[in-house]
């Protein structure tokens, strides 16, 4: 599966996830990216870049699923 994202540990913030997946290059870009794209974590809209993503979660960005595993 191409959309499996491996993380170290049990969780990562949304901002870190966006950098890891190369959607953004700096943390400062996270707020704008989150505001201008359709993002859901397990069908919930995140509160901001510090929203925690855990191993086993599914992150949807513009209708494309990313499966998070550690």
PDB file of N, CA and C in Angstrom:
ATOM      1  N   UNK A   1       0.851  -1.183   0.000  1.00  0.00           N
ATOM      2  CA  UNK A   1       0.000   0.000   0.000  1.00  0.00           C
ATOM      3  C   UNK A   1       0.894   1.243   0.000  1.00  0.00           C
ATOM      4  N   UNK A   2       0.729   2.112  -0.960  1.00  0.00           N
ATOM      5  CA  UNK A   2       1.586   3.281  -1.115  1.00  0.00           C
ATOM      6  C   UNK A   2       1.370   4.351  -0.068  1.00  0.00           C
ATOM      7  N   UNK A   3       0.217   4.402   0.519  1.00  0.00           N
ATOM      8  CA  UNK A   3      -0.117   5.499   1.416  1.00  0.00           C
ATOM      9  C   UNK A   3       0.050   5.144   2.883  1.00  0.00           C
ATOM     10  N   UNK A   4       0.991   4.274   3.199  1.00  0.00           N
ATOM     11  CA  UNK A   4       1.302   3.960   4.592  1.00  0.00           C
ATOM     12  C   UNK A   4       2.433   4.880   5.026  1.00  0.00           C
ATOM     13  N   UNK A   5       2.193   5.629   6.092  1.00  0.00           N
ATOM     14  CA  UNK A   5       3.182   6.559   6.625  1.00  0.00           C
ATOM     15  C   UNK A   5       3.711   5.989   7.932  1.00  0.00           C
ATOM     16  N   UNK A   6       5.011   5.749   7.992  1.00  0.00           N
ATOM     17  CA  UNK A   6       5.627   5.191   9.194  1.00  0.00           C
ATOM     18  C   UNK A   6       6.117   6.312  10.094  1.00  0.00           C
ATOM     19  N   UNK A   7       5.786   6.214  11.383  1.00  0.00           N
ATOM     20  CA  UNK A   7       6.223   7.210  12.359  1.00  0.00           C
ATOM     21  C   UNK A   7       7.031   6.530  13.451  1.00  0.00           C
ATOM     22  N   UNK A   8       7.900   7.304  14.095  1.00  0.00           N
ATOM     23  CA  UNK A   8       8.622   6.828  15.273  1.00  0.00           C
ATOM     24  C   UNK A   8       7.743   7.089  16.484  1.00  0.00           C
ATOM     25  N   UNK A   9       7.590   6.114  17.340  1.00  0.00           N
ATOM     26  CA  UNK A   9       6.755   6.287  18.526  1.00  0.00           C
ATOM     27  C   UNK A   9       5.293   6.067  18.197  1.00  0.00           C
ATOM     28  N   UNK A  10       4.429   6.458  19.148  1.00  0.00           N
ATOM     29  CA  UNK A  10       2.995   6.208  18.999  1.00  0.00           C
ATOM     30  C   UNK A  10       2.222   7.361  18.385  1.00  0.00           C
ATOM     31  N   UNK A  11       2.802   8.580  18.397  1.00  0.00           N
ATOM     32  CA  UNK A  11       2.034   9.720  17.888  1.00  0.00           C
ATOM     33  C   UNK A  11       2.945  10.746  17.226  1.00  0.00           C
ATOM     34  N   UNK A  12       2.301  11.634  16.483  1.00  0.00           N
ATOM     35  CA  UNK A  12       2.970  12.722  15.784  1.00  0.00           C
ATOM     36  C   UNK A  12       1.942  13.851  15.684  1.00  0.00           C
ATOM     37  N   UNK A  13       2.386  15.092  15.618  1.00  0.00           N
ATOM     38  CA  UNK A  13       1.428  16.186  15.435  1.00  0.00           C
ATOM     39  C   UNK A  13       1.081  16.308  13.949  1.00  0.00           C
ATOM     40  N   UNK A  14      -0.028  16.968  13.666  1.00  0.00           N
ATOM     41  CA  UNK A  14      -0.434  17.169  12.282  1.00  0.00           C
ATOM     42  C   UNK A  14       0.633  17.954  11.521  1.00  0.00           C
ATOM     43  N   UNK A  15       1.214  18.969  12.151  1.00  0.00           N
ATOM     44  CA  UNK A  15       2.276  19.744  11.505  1.00  0.00           C
ATOM     45  C   UNK A  15       3.468  18.872  11.134  1.00  0.00           C
ATOM     46  N   UNK A  16       3.877  17.988  12.041  1.00  0.00           N
ATOM     47  CA  UNK A  16       4.980  17.068  11.758  1.00  0.00           C
ATOM     48  C   UNK A  16       4.603  16.106  10.634  1.00  0.00           C
ATOM     49  N   UNK A  17       3.353  15.646  10.650  1.00  0.00           N
ATOM     50  CA  UNK A  17       2.863  14.740   9.609  1.00  0.00           C
ATOM     51  C   UNK A  17       2.926  15.412   8.239  1.00  0.00           C
ATOM     52  N   UNK A  18       2.502  16.664   8.161  1.00  0.00           N
ATOM     53  CA  UNK A  18       2.515  17.379   6.887  1.00  0.00           C
ATOM     54  C   UNK A  18       3.935  17.565   6.370  1.00  0.00           C
ATOM     55  N   UNK A  19       4.891  17.793   7.270  1.00  0.00           N
ATOM     56  CA  UNK A  19       6.295  17.888   6.855  1.00  0.00           C
ATOM     57  C   UNK A  19       6.825  16.527   6.422  1.00  0.00           C
ATOM     58  N   UNK A  20       6.501  15.492   7.173  1.00  0.00           N
ATOM     59  CA  UNK A  20       6.956  14.137   6.864  1.00  0.00           C
ATOM     60  C   UNK A  20       6.470  13.682   5.490  1.00  0.00           C
ATOM     61  N   UNK A  21       5.251  14.042   5.144  1.00  0.00           N
ATOM     62  CA  UNK A  21       4.666  13.643   3.862  1.00  0.00           C
ATOM     63  C   UNK A  21       4.962  14.647   2.746  1.00  0.00           C
ATOM     64  N   UNK A  22       5.769  15.656   3.034  1.00  0.00           N
ATOM     65  CA  UNK A  22       6.228  16.652   2.050  1.00  0.00           C
ATOM     66  C   UNK A  22       5.131  17.566   1.512  1.00  0.00           C
ATOM     67  N   UNK A  23       4.021  17.674   2.249  1.00  0.00           N
ATOM     68  CA  UNK A  23       3.000  18.643   1.848  1.00  0.00           C
ATOM     69  C   UNK A  23       3.473  20.061   2.128  1.00  0.00           C
ATOM     70  N   UNK A  24       4.279  20.221   3.175  1.00  0.00           N
ATOM     71  CA  UNK A  24       4.854  21.518   3.519  1.00  0.00           C
ATOM     72  C   UNK A  24       6.335  21.312   3.803  1.00  0.00           C
ATOM     73  N   UNK A  25       7.111  22.402   3.731  1.00  0.00           N
ATOM     74  CA  UNK A  25       8.540  22.277   4.016  1.00  0.00           C
ATOM     75  C   UNK A  25       8.920  22.873   5.366  1.00  0.00           C
ATOM     76  N   UNK A  26       8.075  23.761   5.908  1.00  0.00           N
ATOM     77  CA  UNK A  26       8.349  24.340   7.224  1.00  0.00           C
ATOM     78  C   UNK A  26       7.079  24.307   8.071  1.00  0.00           C
ATOM     79  N   UNK A  27       7.263  24.322   9.378  1.00  0.00           N
ATOM     80  CA  UNK A  27       6.123  24.325  10.285  1.00  0.00           C
ATOM     81  C   UNK A  27       5.250  25.552  10.135  1.00  0.00           C
ATOM     82  N   UNK A  28       5.843  26.669   9.737  1.00  0.00           N
ATOM     83  CA  UNK A  28       5.091  27.900   9.550  1.00  0.00           C
ATOM     84  C   UNK A  28       4.055  27.821   8.440  1.00  0.00           C
ATOM     85  N   UNK A  29       4.233  26.901   7.521  1.00  0.00           N
ATOM     86  CA  UNK A  29       3.289  26.732   6.418  1.00  0.00           C
ATOM     87  C   UNK A  29       2.071  25.906   6.821  1.00  0.00           C
ATOM     88  N   UNK A  30       2.132  25.258   7.976  1.00  0.00           N
ATOM     89  CA  UNK A  30       1.080  24.322   8.390  1.00  0.00           C
ATOM     90  C   UNK A  30      -0.279  24.999   8.533  1.00  0.00           C
ATOM     91  N   UNK A  31      -0.331  26.145   9.199  1.00  0.00           N
ATOM     92  CA  UNK A  31      -1.615  26.809   9.433  1.00  0.00           C
ATOM     93  C   UNK A  31      -2.326  27.117   8.121  1.00  0.00           C
ATOM     94  N   UNK A  32      -1.606  27.698   7.178  1.00  0.00           N
ATOM     95  CA  UNK A  32      -2.207  28.028   5.882  1.00  0.00           C
ATOM     96  C   UNK A  32      -2.652  26.767   5.152  1.00  0.00           C
ATOM     97  N   UNK A  33      -1.814  25.725   5.168  1.00  0.00           N
ATOM     98  CA  UNK A  33      -2.165  24.480   4.485  1.00  0.00           C
ATOM     99  C   UNK A  33      -3.428  23.870   5.082  1.00  0.00           C
ATOM    100  N   UNK A  34      -3.518  23.858   6.406  1.00  0.00           N
ATOM    101  CA  UNK A  34      -4.683  23.280   7.086  1.00  0.00           C
ATOM    102  C   UNK A  34      -5.951  24.071   6.759  1.00  0.00           C
ATOM    103  N   UNK A  35      -5.828  25.397   6.702  1.00  0.00           N
ATOM    104  CA  UNK A  35      -6.991  26.246   6.418  1.00  0.00           C
ATOM    105  C   UNK A  35      -7.465  26.139   4.970  1.00  0.00           C
ATOM    106  N   UNK A  36      -6.579  25.802   4.051  1.00  0.00           N
ATOM    107  CA  UNK A  36      -6.927  25.841   2.630  1.00  0.00           C
ATOM    108  C   UNK A  36      -7.080  24.460   1.985  1.00  0.00           C
ATOM    109  N   UNK A  37      -7.002  23.405   2.780  1.00  0.00           N
ATOM    110  CA  UNK A  37      -7.159  22.051   2.259  1.00  0.00           C
ATOM    111  C   UNK A  37      -8.164  21.279   3.100  1.00  0.00           C
ATOM    112  N   UNK A  38      -8.738  20.245   2.514  1.00  0.00           N
ATOM    113  CA  UNK A  38      -9.715  19.403   3.195  1.00  0.00           C
ATOM    114  C   UNK A  38      -8.967  18.298   3.942  1.00  0.00           C
ATOM    115  N   UNK A  39      -8.872  18.422   5.267  1.00  0.00           N
ATOM    116  CA  UNK A  39      -8.125  17.464   6.084  1.00  0.00           C
ATOM    117  C   UNK A  39      -9.042  16.884   7.147  1.00  0.00           C
ATOM    118  N   UNK A  40      -8.983  15.562   7.293  1.00  0.00           N
ATOM    119  CA  UNK A  40      -9.704  14.873   8.365  1.00  0.00           C
ATOM    120  C   UNK A  40      -8.802  13.801   8.946  1.00  0.00           C
ATOM    121  N   UNK A  41      -8.942  13.590  10.244  1.00  0.00           N
ATOM    122  CA  UNK A  41      -8.245  12.510  10.936  1.00  0.00           C
ATOM    123  C   UNK A  41      -9.325  11.611  11.508  1.00  0.00           C
ATOM    124  N   UNK A  42      -9.418  10.398  11.002  1.00  0.00           N
ATOM    125  CA  UNK A  42     -10.485   9.470  11.408  1.00  0.00           C
ATOM    126  C   UNK A  42     -11.860  10.127  11.301  1.00  0.00           C
ATOM    127  N   UNK A  43     -12.109  10.829  10.200  1.00  0.00           N
ATOM    128  CA  UNK A  43     -13.376  11.523   9.924  1.00  0.00           C
ATOM    129  C   UNK A  43     -13.655  12.705  10.845  1.00  0.00           C
ATOM    130  N   UNK A  44     -12.655  13.184  11.575  1.00  0.00           N
ATOM    131  CA  UNK A  44     -12.789  14.374  12.413  1.00  0.00           C
ATOM    132  C   UNK A  44     -11.925  15.486  11.843  1.00  0.00           C
ATOM    133  N   UNK A  45     -12.449  16.699  11.849  1.00  0.00           N
ATOM    134  CA  UNK A  45     -11.685  17.853  11.381  1.00  0.00           C
ATOM    135  C   UNK A  45     -10.702  18.255  12.481  1.00  0.00           C
ATOM    136  N   UNK A  46      -9.400  18.365  12.164  1.00  0.00           N
ATOM    137  CA  UNK A  46      -8.411  18.706  13.196  1.00  0.00           C
ATOM    138  C   UNK A  46      -8.551  20.148  13.664  1.00  0.00           C
ATOM    139  N   UNK A  47      -8.127  20.390  14.917  1.00  0.00           N
ATOM    140  CA  UNK A  47      -8.209  21.727  15.512  1.00  0.00           C
ATOM    141  C   UNK A  47      -7.045  22.629  15.135  1.00  0.00           C
ATOM    142  N   UNK A  48      -5.981  22.082  14.631  1.00  0.00           N
ATOM    143  CA  UNK A  48      -4.811  22.873  14.267  1.00  0.00           C
ATOM    144  C   UNK A  48      -3.615  21.970  14.075  1.00  0.00           C
ATOM    145  N   UNK A  49      -2.457  22.602  13.895  1.00  0.00           N
ATOM    146  CA  UNK A  49      -1.264  21.813  13.576  1.00  0.00           C
ATOM    147  C   UNK A  49      -0.763  20.962  14.731  1.00  0.00           C
ATOM    148  N   UNK A  50      -1.204  21.241  15.948  1.00  0.00           N
ATOM    149  CA  UNK A  50      -0.775  20.450  17.101  1.00  0.00           C
ATOM    150  C   UNK A  50      -1.702  19.274  17.402  1.00  0.00           C
ATOM    151  N   UNK A  51      -2.698  19.045  16.562  1.00  0.00           N
ATOM    152  CA  UNK A  51      -3.579  17.888  16.724  1.00  0.00           C
ATOM    153  C   UNK A  51      -2.745  16.619  16.633  1.00  0.00           C
ATOM    154  N   UNK A  52      -2.942  15.716  17.580  1.00  0.00           N
ATOM    155  CA  UNK A  52      -2.165  14.473  17.622  1.00  0.00           C
ATOM    156  C   UNK A  52      -2.723  13.448  16.643  1.00  0.00           C
ATOM    157  N   UNK A  53      -1.814  12.777  15.966  1.00  0.00           N
ATOM    158  CA  UNK A  53      -2.136  11.657  15.089  1.00  0.00           C
ATOM    159  C   UNK A  53      -1.443  10.440  15.680  1.00  0.00           C
ATOM    160  N   UNK A  54      -2.190   9.356  15.846  1.00  0.00           N
ATOM    161  CA  UNK A  54      -1.656   8.158  16.489  1.00  0.00           C
ATOM    162  C   UNK A  54      -1.505   7.027  15.480  1.00  0.00           C
ATOM    163  N   UNK A  55      -0.623   6.090  15.805  1.00  0.00           N
ATOM    164  CA  UNK A  55      -0.480   4.897  14.985  1.00  0.00           C
ATOM    165  C   UNK A  55      -1.844   4.213  14.880  1.00  0.00           C
ATOM    166  N   UNK A  56      -2.237   3.849  13.688  1.00  0.00           N
ATOM    167  CA  UNK A  56      -3.550   3.257  13.446  1.00  0.00           C
ATOM    168  C   UNK A  56      -4.566   4.247  12.905  1.00  0.00           C
ATOM    169  N   UNK A  57      -4.265   5.550  12.982  1.00  0.00           N
ATOM    170  CA  UNK A  57      -5.173   6.570  12.460  1.00  0.00           C
ATOM    171  C   UNK A  57      -5.130   6.608  10.934  1.00  0.00           C
ATOM    172  N   UNK A  58      -6.203   7.130  10.365  1.00  0.00           N
ATOM    173  CA  UNK A  58      -6.262   7.379   8.928  1.00  0.00           C
ATOM    174  C   UNK A  58      -6.408   8.882   8.740  1.00  0.00           C
ATOM    175  N   UNK A  59      -5.474   9.478   8.010  1.00  0.00           N
ATOM    176  CA  UNK A  59      -5.499  10.912   7.728  1.00  0.00           C
ATOM    177  C   UNK A  59      -5.929  11.086   6.277  1.00  0.00           C
ATOM    178  N   UNK A  60      -6.985  11.870   6.084  1.00  0.00           N
ATOM    179  CA  UNK A  60      -7.480  12.173   4.743  1.00  0.00           C
ATOM    180  C   UNK A  60      -7.056  13.588   4.381  1.00  0.00           C
ATOM    181  N   UNK A  61      -6.380  13.741   3.255  1.00  0.00           N
ATOM    182  CA  UNK A  61      -6.006  15.059   2.746  1.00  0.00           C
ATOM    183  C   UNK A  61      -6.514  15.147   1.317  1.00  0.00           C
ATOM    184  N   UNK A  62      -7.462  16.051   1.111  1.00  0.00           N
ATOM    185  CA  UNK A  62      -8.072  16.244  -0.211  1.00  0.00           C
ATOM    186  C   UNK A  62      -8.516  14.910  -0.823  1.00  0.00           C
ATOM    187  N   UNK A  63      -9.262  14.146  -0.026  1.00  0.00           N
ATOM    188  CA  UNK A  63      -9.871  12.876  -0.445  1.00  0.00           C
ATOM    189  C   UNK A  63      -8.877  11.761  -0.751  1.00  0.00           C
ATOM    190  N   UNK A  64      -7.656  11.869  -0.248  1.00  0.00           N
ATOM    191  CA  UNK A  64      -6.670  10.801  -0.377  1.00  0.00           C
ATOM    192  C   UNK A  64      -6.303  10.332   1.028  1.00  0.00           C
ATOM    193  N   UNK A  65      -6.356   9.013   1.252  1.00  0.00           N
ATOM    194  CA  UNK A  65      -6.135   8.448   2.585  1.00  0.00           C
ATOM    195  C   UNK A  65      -4.668   8.105   2.809  1.00  0.00           C
ATOM    196  N   UNK A  66      -4.200   8.403   4.035  1.00  0.00           N
ATOM    197  CA  UNK A  66      -2.854   8.046   4.481  1.00  0.00           C
ATOM    198  C   UNK A  66      -3.003   7.259   5.774  1.00  0.00           C
ATOM    199  N   UNK A  67      -2.453   6.054   5.803  1.00  0.00           N
ATOM    200  CA  UNK A  67      -2.567   5.162   6.952  1.00  0.00           C
ATOM    201  C   UNK A  67      -1.302   5.280   7.789  1.00  0.00           C
ATOM    202  N   UNK A  68      -1.454   5.622   9.067  1.00  0.00           N
ATOM    203  CA  UNK A  68      -0.319   5.883   9.947  1.00  0.00           C
ATOM    204  C   UNK A  68       0.008   4.626  10.742  1.00  0.00           C
ATOM    205  N   UNK A  69       1.279   4.225  10.700  1.00  0.00           N
ATOM    206  CA  UNK A  69       1.740   3.051  11.448  1.00  0.00           C
ATOM    207  C   UNK A  69       3.089   3.363  12.067  1.00  0.00           C
ATOM    208  N   UNK A  70       3.414   2.609  13.130  1.00  0.00           N
ATOM    209  CA  UNK A  70       4.742   2.783  13.726  1.00  0.00           C
ATOM    210  C   UNK A  70       5.539   1.516  13.608  1.00  0.00           C
TER     211      UNK A  70
END
